Structures are given as C-alpha cells and as structure tokens.
Amino acid sequence: MSELNEIGSWVRENLPALLADAHVPAASVAVLSDGEVVTAAAGILNRNTGVEADEDSVFQVGSITKTWTATLIMQLVDEGLLDLDAPVRDVVPAFAIADEAAASAITPRQLLSHVSGFEGDLFNDTGVGDDAVEKYLATITDAPQLFAPGERFSYNNAAFVVLGRIVEVLRGTSFDQALRTHLATPLGLTHLATSAAEAIMFRAALGHLPSEDGDEPVPAPVWSLVRSNAPAGSMLAMTARDLVTYARMHLDGGVAADGTRVLSTVSVQAMQERQVELPDLGLMGDAWGLGWELFDWEGGPVIGHDGGTIGQNAFLRMVPGSGVAVAVLTNGGHAVDVYHAITSRVLAALAGVRMPALPSLPHSPVEVDLDRILGTYSSSVSDSTVRVDDDGRVWLERTMKGIFAELGPAPEPVELVGWAGDTLLPREAQNGIRMPHAFVGDDGTGRALYLHTGRADRRVDA
C-alpha cells in the first residue's frame, strides 16, 4: 500500500473520533500527492436536518477565496492588463476611503499583501445582484486609515473586495462569472457554488455556532455572509477534492491537470514570494505573499490559507516542490484541533514537514509592561478593552459591533497571560486555540498603538 493510501485509510478511520472529540459536526478532507487524491468525509452537515456529509458535500472555504481572487488578478498581470505597482485608481477611479492621499496611492500589490493600511472588516450588505461588489465601493468611502500604506500587515477583507472590482472592470463581467470562466472551468471543477442558490444543488454544509449552554455547537441562523464580500470569501463553497485540484495547479507551476495553462509560472512564483513579515500570531503565517500565507515550518516552506465564515472553517496547506496538499473543511466546533491532527500527520508522512505545536501557556508567565498594553483598541468589528484587576491579572473585554453583535452570545471577558515579549495568550483556549495577542507600535508615549491578532486594532483611548 502506498503512503498516500495509508494516509487516506488513517483519515477515514480516525475522522469520526476526531470530530467527536472536537465537537465538530462534520468535515471533508482531501489529500493530494504526486497528482493522486484521496478523500474522506464524516459527520452531519446540518443538525437541523440530520443530512450526513459525504465526499461530494460542499463546504464554504471562506477566506481561502482570497487566493482565488489573487490568482484572477495575476492572470490579468500575465495578460498585460494590470500593473501591480500602479495606483488602484488607474483601473477603478471610484476607489475612495477616508484618507484621500492613501486612496490615490494604494496599489494592487499592497491590497494583495494586506498592507494597504485602511480598516478592512467592513461587511456591508449591498444586495444579492451582480452589482453587489461594484456597489460596495461606495460604502467604504469613510473607512479610516490605520497606518500609512506599506507600513505593516493588517488582515483586510475590504481590500480583496476592491481587488474583485478590479477583476470585474478588466473582465467586463461579475466577479462570480470571472471566477467560473477563468478558474473553475479550466480546472474542471464540478462541485463548486458561488451562492446559496447554487449550493442548494449539492449536499451543502451549514455552519454551526457555539451554544450558550453546552459544548455542542448549534446551527447558524444564516448560511453565509453578504454577497458584496464574495471576493474576500463570503460565499464560495466546494468539495475538498475541488480545493486540492485548485492547489495542484499552483503546485504544478500554473498548469491544470489536463495540461491547460491557467497561470504563468512567473506569477505562481510571485504569489509565493515574501511581501511582509508578521508578528508571531500562532495559526497565521510567518509572512504573506501575494494572496498566500507563508509558513516557515521545518522541512518547508509551506504555503496556504485559512477561511472562516459563519460557523464554517477551512484550511489549505501546500508544500511547493513536493506535490503535496491537504484541505480540511469543517462546519463548527473546535475546528483547529481537527485541522492540526490531520494536517500534521499528512505533511509529516508525505512531505517530511514538521508542523509547529499550537501556542501554549508558558510554565511561568512572562512579565508584562502593563503601562504599554492597557487601554481600548477599536475596529469596525469590536471595541477591545485591556484592563488589570485587583489581583494583577490582565483581562480583555470585547464589545462586538454590527453583524458580529447578532451572531451568538456576547463574548465573555478573557484573561491574558504573558507569552513572549509584548505578546500575550488567553489563559483558556477558545475554539481549540490560544490566539496570540501582540501589542505593537508606539502611540508616542511608549504605549502600544495597535492590538494585533492578525488585524491591527488601533488604540482609541487618549
């Protein structure tokens, strides 16, 4: 039996128990090695209906969609239609944010690598029509600038909607149609949906959210986020097999399995080149390329992306040069536990890559400079206040905003403990992971200017 078949057997045998232990309703897994794919699925797609997952079930891939948007952008570069280092406004004159100077200078390269610097978690509903992305641009004209373009990394959903609009303008069609015409069709993908109306034609997973009274997650009240954010990852759904078929194209230098060239080798390599370094953020990459996360793992490097929508989480990892990729798609619970158990075993066995352990509490908490970190930090998603209690313990209290205030119960205060330098960890794991909270920058008085958890929330207290 080949190593790939052995891995496939292990996943199929162990997936049900992994899901039960992590309180994940369902998952679909695909593993690619040297052009061959094995798949597995288990669990319940929707606890309202009891429909079981199978290997043809579609799950939302969330922000993994950003790499598809980046690929569509790089195809435009290949065709000489777009300059990554020219202002976005050369193509989309309507692009505007609160800082006019920044808006006139921001480039597609900066959008692709999350260094454009404006507030990015803006999930504004502009309807379900083909003009949803176009209409979205008019809703972000007051988006504040957090830092100068190119200064640092801050994960930005809105930036990828702007990139999606670039695709629409240069292709003369909707983003969804461009994705189908220029990626899904040449790749031969058969189980892919760009909307709920399409997903209903398949066995489609529903997300599940934490329950107020128990470990088992409950069905989410809606299937997806808004269509305006489709280029950032609000709608796209597919099977794990189709996702690794897409990954194979990137591993094979831009060529589909049938020999069709989808992307130039130069653009494939450019997407994997480091554009910006990240603070130590645990699950996220060590650096970012043009769309891809870059992981400096032993035996690597590894590239990939994660996705999170309303109760669904997706994970994709690829090892360039090895022909190995693994996709794990889930619909609730402690999805990170399932991702880590499967991906670590797959990459070790097939690519000789050793995944680092997830962040864990130090034996003795690192001393923290309280004067530097205490205060309130804000974004369009939440206000986060870091305070210290009478016993000297540090707490993070979050008040959610907008659509996020309507999804599930209000978050409980989280105790943070010193981990490394100005980075703290939650004392208790949340959804299976302790997400590092890095306090970076300087407000001019020695205090941190940003609370960074992948997104840089700016200090707002005087």
Protein backbone atom coordinates (compact mmCIF):
# COMPACT_ATOMS: atom_id res chain seq x y z
CA MET A 1 0.00 0.00 0.00
CA SER A 2 1.35 3.44 -0.97
CA GLU A 3 1.97 6.14 1.63
CA LEU A 4 -0.94 8.16 0.20
CA ASN A 5 -3.34 5.23 0.52
CA GLU A 6 -2.11 4.60 4.05
CA ILE A 7 -2.80 8.24 4.92
CA GLY A 8 -6.23 8.00 3.29
CA SER A 9 -7.06 4.94 5.35
CA TRP A 10 -5.87 6.64 8.53
CA VAL A 11 -8.01 9.73 7.87
CA ARG A 12 -11.12 7.70 7.08
CA GLU A 13 -10.70 5.53 10.17
CA ASN A 14 -9.95 8.37 12.57
CA LEU A 15 -12.07 11.24 11.27
CA PRO A 16 -15.29 10.36 13.15
CA ALA A 17 -13.46 10.22 16.50
CA LEU A 18 -11.55 13.44 15.78
CA LEU A 19 -14.84 15.19 15.04
CA ALA A 20 -16.48 13.88 18.20
CA ASP A 21 -13.57 14.93 20.40
CA ALA A 22 -13.55 18.44 18.91
CA HIS A 23 -17.35 18.83 18.82
CA VAL A 24 -17.20 19.41 15.06
CA PRO A 25 -20.47 18.42 13.35
CA ALA A 26 -18.90 17.41 10.02
CA ALA A 27 -15.72 17.60 7.96
CA SER A 28 -14.45 16.82 4.50
CA VAL A 29 -10.77 16.11 3.81
CA ALA A 30 -8.75 15.75 0.63
CA VAL A 31 -5.06 14.89 0.31
CA LEU A 32 -3.05 15.38 -2.88
CA SER A 33 0.28 13.66 -3.53
CA ASP A 34 2.02 13.36 -6.92
CA GLY A 35 -1.22 14.00 -8.79
CA GLU A 36 -3.26 11.41 -6.88
CA VAL A 37 -6.04 12.36 -4.45
CA VAL A 38 -7.66 10.56 -1.53
CA THR A 39 -10.75 11.91 0.19
CA ALA A 40 -12.77 11.34 3.35
CA ALA A 41 -15.88 12.79 4.96
CA ALA A 42 -17.85 12.21 8.14
CA GLY A 43 -20.47 13.77 10.37
CA ILE A 44 -23.65 15.80 9.98
CA LEU A 45 -23.83 18.70 7.53
CA ASN A 46 -26.78 20.38 9.22
CA ARG A 47 -28.05 19.44 12.66
CA ASN A 48 -31.45 20.87 11.73
CA THR A 49 -31.91 18.23 9.04
CA GLY A 50 -29.58 15.40 10.00
CA VAL A 51 -28.13 15.13 6.49
CA GLU A 52 -24.83 13.26 6.57
CA ALA A 53 -21.63 14.52 4.96
CA ASP A 54 -20.15 12.65 2.03
CA GLU A 55 -17.13 13.28 -0.19
CA ASP A 56 -19.28 15.28 -2.65
CA SER A 57 -20.56 17.66 0.05
CA VAL A 58 -19.71 21.34 -0.40
CA PHE A 59 -18.43 23.48 2.46
CA GLN A 60 -17.68 27.17 2.41
CA VAL A 61 -13.96 27.83 2.00
CA GLY A 62 -14.17 31.36 3.39
CA SER A 63 -11.05 33.46 3.02
CA ILE A 64 -9.24 30.78 1.01
CA THR A 65 -11.24 32.55 -1.71
CA LYS A 66 -8.73 35.41 -1.39
CA THR A 67 -6.12 33.23 -3.09
CA TRP A 68 -8.59 32.67 -5.96
CA THR A 69 -9.07 36.43 -6.23
CA ALA A 70 -5.29 36.87 -6.18
CA THR A 71 -4.97 34.26 -8.94
CA LEU A 72 -7.53 36.12 -11.05
CA ILE A 73 -5.52 39.31 -10.50
CA MET A 74 -2.28 37.62 -11.53
CA GLN A 75 -3.92 36.33 -14.71
CA LEU A 76 -4.60 39.98 -15.57
CA VAL A 77 -0.92 40.73 -14.92
CA ASP A 78 0.04 37.85 -17.23
CA GLU A 79 -2.10 39.36 -19.96
CA GLY A 80 -0.56 42.80 -19.57
CA LEU A 81 -3.86 44.30 -18.42
CA LEU A 82 -2.76 45.25 -14.89
CA ASP A 83 0.33 46.71 -13.20
CA LEU A 84 0.56 45.59 -9.58
CA ASP A 85 2.52 48.70 -8.62
CA ALA A 86 0.35 51.33 -10.28
CA PRO A 87 -2.42 53.05 -8.25
CA VAL A 88 -5.69 51.14 -7.98
CA ARG A 89 -7.43 54.25 -9.27
CA ASP A 90 -5.81 53.77 -12.67
CA VAL A 91 -8.29 50.92 -13.11
CA VAL A 92 -11.03 51.73 -10.58
CA PRO A 93 -11.35 55.52 -10.33
CA ALA A 94 -14.26 55.08 -7.87
CA PHE A 95 -11.98 53.65 -5.18
CA ALA A 96 -12.15 56.03 -2.21
CA ILE A 97 -11.54 55.83 1.53
CA ALA A 98 -11.36 58.47 4.27
CA ASP A 99 -7.70 59.30 3.60
CA GLU A 100 -7.57 60.79 0.10
CA ALA A 101 -3.78 60.69 -0.13
CA ALA A 102 -3.76 56.98 0.74
CA ALA A 103 -6.59 56.21 -1.67
CA SER A 104 -4.71 57.81 -4.54
CA ALA A 105 -1.51 55.90 -3.76
CA ILE A 106 -2.62 52.37 -2.77
CA THR A 107 -1.62 49.68 -5.28
CA PRO A 108 -2.94 46.20 -6.08
CA ARG A 109 0.27 44.73 -4.61
CA GLN A 110 -0.48 46.40 -1.27
CA LEU A 111 -4.06 45.12 -1.34
CA LEU A 112 -2.88 41.56 -2.10
CA SER A 113 -0.42 41.52 0.82
CA HIS A 114 -2.69 43.23 3.39
CA VAL A 115 -0.51 46.33 3.83
CA SER A 116 -2.84 48.99 2.39
CA GLY A 117 -3.49 50.27 5.90
CA PHE A 118 -7.21 51.07 5.90
CA GLU A 119 -9.89 49.49 8.10
CA GLY A 120 -10.81 46.24 6.43
CA ASP A 121 -13.53 44.34 8.28
CA LEU A 122 -16.46 46.02 6.55
CA PHE A 123 -19.22 43.55 5.75
CA ASN A 124 -21.65 45.98 4.15
CA ASP A 125 -24.74 44.48 2.52
CA THR A 126 -25.30 45.82 -0.99
CA GLY A 127 -27.81 43.24 -2.11
CA VAL A 128 -27.58 39.95 -3.97
CA GLY A 129 -27.29 41.24 -7.54
CA ASP A 130 -24.31 41.02 -9.87
CA ASP A 131 -23.58 44.65 -8.98
CA ALA A 132 -23.04 43.91 -5.27
CA VAL A 133 -19.26 44.29 -5.48
CA GLU A 134 -19.49 47.49 -7.52
CA LYS A 135 -21.96 49.00 -5.05
CA TYR A 136 -19.71 48.05 -2.12
CA LEU A 137 -17.07 50.60 -3.07
CA ALA A 138 -19.48 53.45 -2.32
CA THR A 139 -19.96 52.11 1.23
CA ILE A 140 -16.27 52.27 2.27
CA THR A 141 -15.53 55.90 1.41
CA ASP A 142 -15.33 56.73 5.13
CA ALA A 143 -13.10 53.76 6.05
CA PRO A 144 -10.36 55.15 8.32
CA GLN A 145 -6.66 54.81 7.59
CA LEU A 146 -4.94 52.89 10.42
CA PHE A 147 -1.40 53.43 9.15
CA ALA A 148 0.44 54.56 6.03
CA PRO A 149 0.21 52.21 3.02
CA GLY A 150 3.01 49.66 3.14
CA GLU A 151 3.90 50.27 6.81
CA ARG A 152 2.72 46.96 8.31
CA PHE A 153 0.43 43.96 7.91
CA SER A 154 -3.22 44.06 8.93
CA TYR A 155 -5.61 41.49 7.50
CA ASN A 156 -8.06 43.29 5.24
CA ASN A 157 -11.26 41.86 3.79
CA ALA A 158 -12.29 45.10 2.10
CA ALA A 159 -9.01 45.17 0.19
CA PHE A 160 -9.97 41.94 -1.57
CA VAL A 161 -13.39 43.29 -2.49
CA VAL A 162 -11.54 46.15 -4.20
CA LEU A 163 -9.39 43.55 -5.98
CA GLY A 164 -12.57 41.78 -7.01
CA ARG A 165 -13.82 45.02 -8.52
CA ILE A 166 -10.57 45.32 -10.49
CA VAL A 167 -11.31 41.86 -11.91
CA GLU A 168 -14.85 42.91 -12.82
CA VAL A 169 -13.75 46.10 -14.56
CA LEU A 170 -10.99 44.47 -16.61
CA ARG A 171 -13.02 41.34 -17.45
CA GLY A 172 -16.28 43.18 -18.12
CA THR A 173 -18.33 40.74 -16.07
CA SER A 174 -19.30 39.91 -12.49
CA PHE A 175 -16.72 38.53 -10.08
CA ASP A 176 -18.58 35.21 -9.80
CA GLN A 177 -18.66 34.76 -13.56
CA ALA A 178 -14.99 35.69 -13.89
CA LEU A 179 -14.11 33.08 -11.27
CA ARG A 180 -16.05 30.42 -13.14
CA THR A 181 -14.74 31.36 -16.60
CA HIS A 182 -11.09 31.82 -15.70
CA LEU A 183 -10.60 29.30 -12.87
CA ALA A 184 -13.38 26.80 -12.19
CA THR A 185 -13.95 25.83 -15.83
CA PRO A 186 -10.31 25.44 -16.96
CA LEU A 187 -9.59 23.49 -13.77
CA GLY A 188 -12.53 21.15 -14.48
CA LEU A 189 -14.18 21.72 -11.09
CA THR A 190 -17.59 20.06 -10.79
CA HIS A 191 -18.76 20.73 -7.23
CA LEU A 192 -18.45 24.48 -6.72
CA ALA A 193 -21.01 27.09 -5.70
CA THR A 194 -20.73 30.88 -5.66
CA SER A 195 -24.07 31.43 -3.89
CA ALA A 196 -26.66 29.73 -1.72
CA ALA A 197 -28.81 29.29 -4.83
CA GLU A 198 -26.06 27.16 -6.36
CA ALA A 199 -25.05 25.42 -3.13
CA ILE A 200 -28.58 24.06 -2.70
CA MET A 201 -27.94 21.86 -5.76
CA PHE A 202 -25.37 19.91 -3.70
CA ARG A 203 -25.23 18.39 -0.24
CA ALA A 204 -24.26 21.68 1.39
CA ALA A 205 -22.87 22.18 4.88
CA LEU A 206 -24.44 24.70 7.24
CA GLY A 207 -22.25 26.44 9.78
CA HIS A 208 -22.69 25.82 13.49
CA LEU A 209 -22.01 28.35 16.26
CA PRO A 210 -21.11 27.97 19.95
CA SER A 211 -24.03 27.19 22.22
CA GLU A 212 -24.76 29.24 25.32
CA ASP A 213 -25.26 26.07 27.39
CA GLY A 214 -23.07 23.19 26.28
CA ASP A 215 -20.12 22.02 24.24
CA GLU A 216 -22.07 21.09 21.13
CA PRO A 217 -22.45 23.89 18.58
CA VAL A 218 -25.87 24.78 17.21
CA PRO A 219 -26.96 25.56 13.63
CA ALA A 220 -26.19 29.10 12.49
CA PRO A 221 -29.15 31.38 11.73
CA VAL A 222 -27.92 32.16 8.19
CA TRP A 223 -25.89 30.29 5.56
CA SER A 224 -23.42 32.98 4.56
CA LEU A 225 -22.15 36.49 4.91
CA VAL A 226 -23.11 39.15 2.36
CA ARG A 227 -22.50 38.84 -1.39
CA SER A 228 -20.63 42.14 -1.57
CA ASN A 229 -17.72 40.41 0.16
CA ALA A 230 -17.60 37.47 -2.27
CA PRO A 231 -14.04 38.26 -3.50
CA ALA A 232 -12.91 38.21 0.15
CA GLY A 233 -14.56 34.88 0.91
CA SER A 234 -18.18 35.33 1.95
CA MET A 235 -19.83 32.88 -0.43
CA LEU A 236 -17.61 30.38 -2.26
CA ALA A 237 -18.25 26.72 -1.44
CA MET A 238 -16.81 23.49 -2.86
CA THR A 239 -15.66 20.00 -2.06
CA ALA A 240 -12.29 19.32 -0.52
CA ARG A 241 -11.38 17.47 -3.73
CA ASP A 242 -12.03 20.54 -5.88
CA LEU A 243 -10.00 22.66 -3.49
CA VAL A 244 -6.90 20.46 -3.79
CA THR A 245 -7.43 20.35 -7.57
CA TYR A 246 -7.03 24.13 -7.48
CA ALA A 247 -4.00 23.73 -5.21
CA ARG A 248 -2.47 21.27 -7.66
CA MET A 249 -2.46 23.96 -10.36
CA HIS A 250 -0.36 26.19 -8.10
CA LEU A 251 1.97 23.31 -7.23
CA ASP A 252 2.37 22.45 -10.93
CA GLY A 253 3.52 25.90 -11.98
CA GLY A 254 0.14 27.19 -13.12
CA VAL A 255 -0.88 24.21 -15.29
CA ALA A 256 -4.16 22.33 -14.78
CA ALA A 257 -4.25 18.53 -14.61
CA ASP A 258 -5.23 18.28 -18.30
CA GLY A 259 -2.31 20.47 -19.39
CA THR A 260 -4.25 23.74 -19.71
CA ARG A 261 -2.15 26.71 -18.64
CA VAL A 262 -4.15 28.72 -16.09
CA LEU A 263 -1.42 30.98 -14.71
CA SER A 264 2.15 31.72 -15.75
CA THR A 265 4.99 30.12 -13.83
CA VAL A 266 6.32 33.61 -13.10
CA SER A 267 3.03 34.62 -11.46
CA VAL A 268 2.82 31.38 -9.49
CA GLN A 269 6.27 32.10 -8.06
CA ALA A 270 5.48 35.78 -7.46
CA MET A 271 2.46 34.86 -5.36
CA GLN A 272 4.72 32.79 -3.09
CA GLU A 273 7.38 35.49 -2.57
CA ARG A 274 7.52 37.24 0.82
CA GLN A 275 5.96 40.70 0.78
CA VAL A 276 5.60 41.42 4.51
CA GLU A 277 6.61 39.79 7.80
CA LEU A 278 4.02 39.11 10.53
CA PRO A 279 4.14 39.20 14.32
CA ASP A 280 4.01 35.74 15.90
CA LEU A 281 0.28 35.06 15.57
CA GLY A 282 0.13 31.32 16.12
CA LEU A 283 -2.16 29.90 13.46
CA MET A 284 -1.38 32.55 10.85
CA GLY A 285 1.65 32.55 8.58
CA ASP A 286 5.11 33.88 9.35
CA ALA A 287 4.87 36.13 6.30
CA TRP A 288 2.49 36.98 3.48
CA GLY A 289 2.93 36.77 -0.26
CA LEU A 290 0.52 37.93 -2.96
CA GLY A 291 -2.58 36.28 -1.54
CA TRP A 292 -0.83 33.31 0.11
CA GLU A 293 0.19 32.84 3.72
CA LEU A 294 3.80 31.66 4.03
CA PHE A 295 4.81 29.29 6.84
CA ASP A 296 8.43 28.77 7.87
CA TRP A 297 7.98 25.20 9.06
CA GLU A 298 10.72 22.62 9.49
CA GLY A 299 11.02 20.78 6.19
CA GLY A 300 9.11 23.53 4.37
CA PRO A 301 8.43 26.18 3.34
CA VAL A 302 4.67 25.69 3.31
CA ILE A 303 2.07 27.93 1.70
CA GLY A 304 -1.66 28.05 2.33
CA HIS A 305 -4.63 29.97 3.64
CA ASP A 306 -7.43 29.54 6.15
CA GLY A 307 -11.07 30.52 5.90
CA GLY A 308 -13.73 31.32 8.46
CA THR A 309 -17.34 32.22 7.72
CA ILE A 310 -20.47 31.91 9.85
CA GLY A 311 -19.72 28.68 11.67
CA GLN A 312 -17.56 27.14 8.94
CA ASN A 313 -13.76 26.87 8.93
CA ALA A 314 -11.50 25.74 6.11
CA PHE A 315 -7.77 25.03 5.96
CA LEU A 316 -5.46 24.54 2.97
CA ARG A 317 -1.75 23.74 3.14
CA MET A 318 0.66 23.02 0.25
CA VAL A 319 4.34 22.14 0.09
CA PRO A 320 5.91 23.52 -3.10
CA GLY A 321 8.27 21.08 -4.74
CA SER A 322 6.70 18.04 -3.09
CA GLY A 323 3.40 17.83 -4.94
CA VAL A 324 1.59 17.57 -1.59
CA ALA A 325 -1.51 19.47 -0.49
CA VAL A 326 -4.17 18.88 2.16
CA ALA A 327 -7.57 20.52 2.58
CA VAL A 328 -9.71 20.24 5.72
CA LEU A 329 -13.24 21.70 5.57
CA THR A 330 -15.42 21.90 8.70
CA ASN A 331 -18.74 23.35 9.88
CA GLY A 332 -18.34 24.28 13.54
CA GLY A 333 -16.81 23.32 16.86
CA HIS A 334 -13.08 23.26 17.66
CA ALA A 335 -12.09 23.02 14.02
CA VAL A 336 -8.43 23.87 14.68
CA ASP A 337 -8.00 20.60 16.60
CA VAL A 338 -9.16 18.57 13.60
CA TYR A 339 -7.07 20.63 11.18
CA HIS A 340 -3.93 20.24 13.29
CA ALA A 341 -4.31 16.50 13.87
CA ILE A 342 -4.86 15.71 10.19
CA THR A 343 -2.53 18.22 8.56
CA SER A 344 0.42 17.48 10.83
CA ARG A 345 0.21 13.77 10.09
CA VAL A 346 -0.25 14.26 6.33
CA LEU A 347 2.61 16.71 5.89
CA ALA A 348 4.98 14.66 8.03
CA ALA A 349 4.26 11.42 6.18
CA LEU A 350 4.14 12.72 2.62
CA ALA A 351 6.37 15.81 2.60
CA GLY A 352 8.70 15.48 5.59
CA VAL A 353 7.31 18.70 7.08
CA ARG A 354 7.02 19.15 10.83
CA MET A 355 4.20 21.44 11.90
CA PRO A 356 4.91 23.52 14.98
CA ALA A 357 2.77 22.99 18.04
CA LEU A 358 -0.08 25.40 18.59
CA PRO A 359 0.67 28.23 21.05
CA SER A 360 0.57 27.03 24.65
CA LEU A 361 0.88 28.68 28.04
CA PRO A 362 4.43 29.11 29.32
CA HIS A 363 5.39 27.35 32.56
CA SER A 364 5.85 30.77 34.10
CA PRO A 365 4.00 33.76 32.59
CA VAL A 366 6.30 36.37 31.05
CA GLU A 367 6.30 39.69 32.86
CA VAL A 368 4.15 42.24 31.03
CA ASP A 369 4.63 46.01 30.72
CA LEU A 370 1.13 47.00 31.81
CA ASP A 371 1.59 50.67 31.02
CA ARG A 372 2.28 49.72 27.42
CA ILE A 373 -0.71 47.44 26.81
CA LEU A 374 -3.62 48.68 28.94
CA GLY A 375 -6.29 50.66 27.13
CA THR A 376 -9.01 50.40 24.49
CA TYR A 377 -8.47 49.35 20.87
CA SER A 378 -11.14 49.62 18.19
CA SER A 379 -12.15 48.29 14.78
CA SER A 380 -15.39 48.01 12.86
CA VAL A 381 -15.81 44.52 14.34
CA SER A 382 -15.38 45.28 18.03
CA ASP A 383 -14.06 47.51 20.79
CA SER A 384 -11.48 45.71 22.94
CA THR A 385 -10.52 47.00 26.37
CA VAL A 386 -7.46 45.60 28.14
CA ARG A 387 -7.55 46.12 31.91
CA VAL A 388 -5.92 44.76 35.06
CA ASP A 389 -7.84 43.59 38.13
CA ASP A 390 -7.01 43.98 41.82
CA ASP A 391 -5.02 40.74 41.75
CA GLY A 392 -2.83 41.93 38.88
CA ARG A 393 -4.48 39.70 36.28
CA VAL A 394 -4.91 41.09 32.76
CA TRP A 395 -8.33 40.88 31.11
CA LEU A 396 -9.59 41.55 27.59
CA GLU A 397 -13.22 42.62 27.27
CA ARG A 398 -14.75 42.82 23.79
CA THR A 399 -17.93 44.54 22.66
CA MET A 400 -18.98 43.29 19.24
CA LYS A 401 -20.40 45.59 16.55
CA GLY A 402 -22.64 45.30 13.51
CA ILE A 403 -23.39 41.84 12.16
CA PHE A 404 -20.98 40.29 14.66
CA ALA A 405 -23.11 41.53 17.57
CA GLU A 406 -26.01 39.49 16.19
CA LEU A 407 -24.16 36.18 15.88
CA GLY A 408 -24.16 34.21 19.10
CA PRO A 409 -23.82 35.36 22.70
CA ALA A 410 -21.68 38.32 23.71
CA PRO A 411 -18.08 37.22 24.38
CA GLU A 412 -17.05 36.64 27.98
CA PRO A 413 -14.01 38.50 29.39
CA VAL A 414 -10.78 36.70 28.51
CA GLU A 415 -7.80 36.52 30.85
CA LEU A 416 -4.48 37.14 29.08
CA VAL A 417 -1.08 35.97 30.30
CA GLY A 418 2.40 36.96 29.15
CA TRP A 419 3.80 34.65 26.45
CA ALA A 420 6.72 36.34 24.67
CA GLY A 421 7.76 39.99 24.70
CA ASP A 422 4.68 42.13 24.17
CA THR A 423 2.56 39.17 23.09
CA LEU A 424 0.01 37.57 25.42
CA LEU A 425 -2.11 34.42 25.22
CA PRO A 426 -5.62 33.70 26.54
CA ARG A 427 -5.41 31.55 29.65
CA GLU A 428 -8.27 29.41 28.32
CA ALA A 429 -8.32 28.13 24.74
CA GLN A 430 -11.07 29.50 22.54
CA ASN A 431 -12.43 27.20 19.84
CA GLY A 432 -9.42 24.97 20.33
CA ILE A 433 -6.68 27.62 20.10
CA ARG A 434 -4.99 30.29 22.17
CA MET A 435 -4.73 33.16 19.70
CA PRO A 436 -1.68 35.36 20.38
CA HIS A 437 -2.47 39.00 21.13
CA ALA A 438 0.50 41.11 20.04
CA PHE A 439 0.81 44.71 21.21
CA VAL A 440 2.79 46.57 18.55
CA GLY A 441 3.73 50.09 17.52
CA ASP A 442 4.05 53.18 19.70
CA ASP A 443 1.49 55.94 20.25
CA GLY A 444 4.24 58.45 21.02
CA THR A 445 4.17 57.90 24.79
CA GLY A 446 5.56 54.35 24.86
CA ARG A 447 2.14 52.69 24.79
CA ALA A 448 1.23 50.15 22.11
CA LEU A 449 -0.57 51.74 19.18
CA TYR A 450 -2.18 48.50 17.98
CA LEU A 451 -3.61 45.30 19.40
CA HIS A 452 -2.69 42.81 16.67
CA THR A 453 -4.48 39.48 16.27
CA GLY A 454 -3.95 39.35 12.52
CA ARG A 455 -5.89 42.58 12.29
CA ALA A 456 -4.37 45.69 13.79
CA ASP A 457 -6.98 47.32 16.04
CA ARG A 458 -5.86 50.89 16.77
CA ARG A 459 -5.72 52.41 20.25
CA VAL A 460 -8.58 54.88 20.76
CA ASP A 461 -8.19 55.98 24.41
CA ALA A 462 -6.48 59.32 24.98
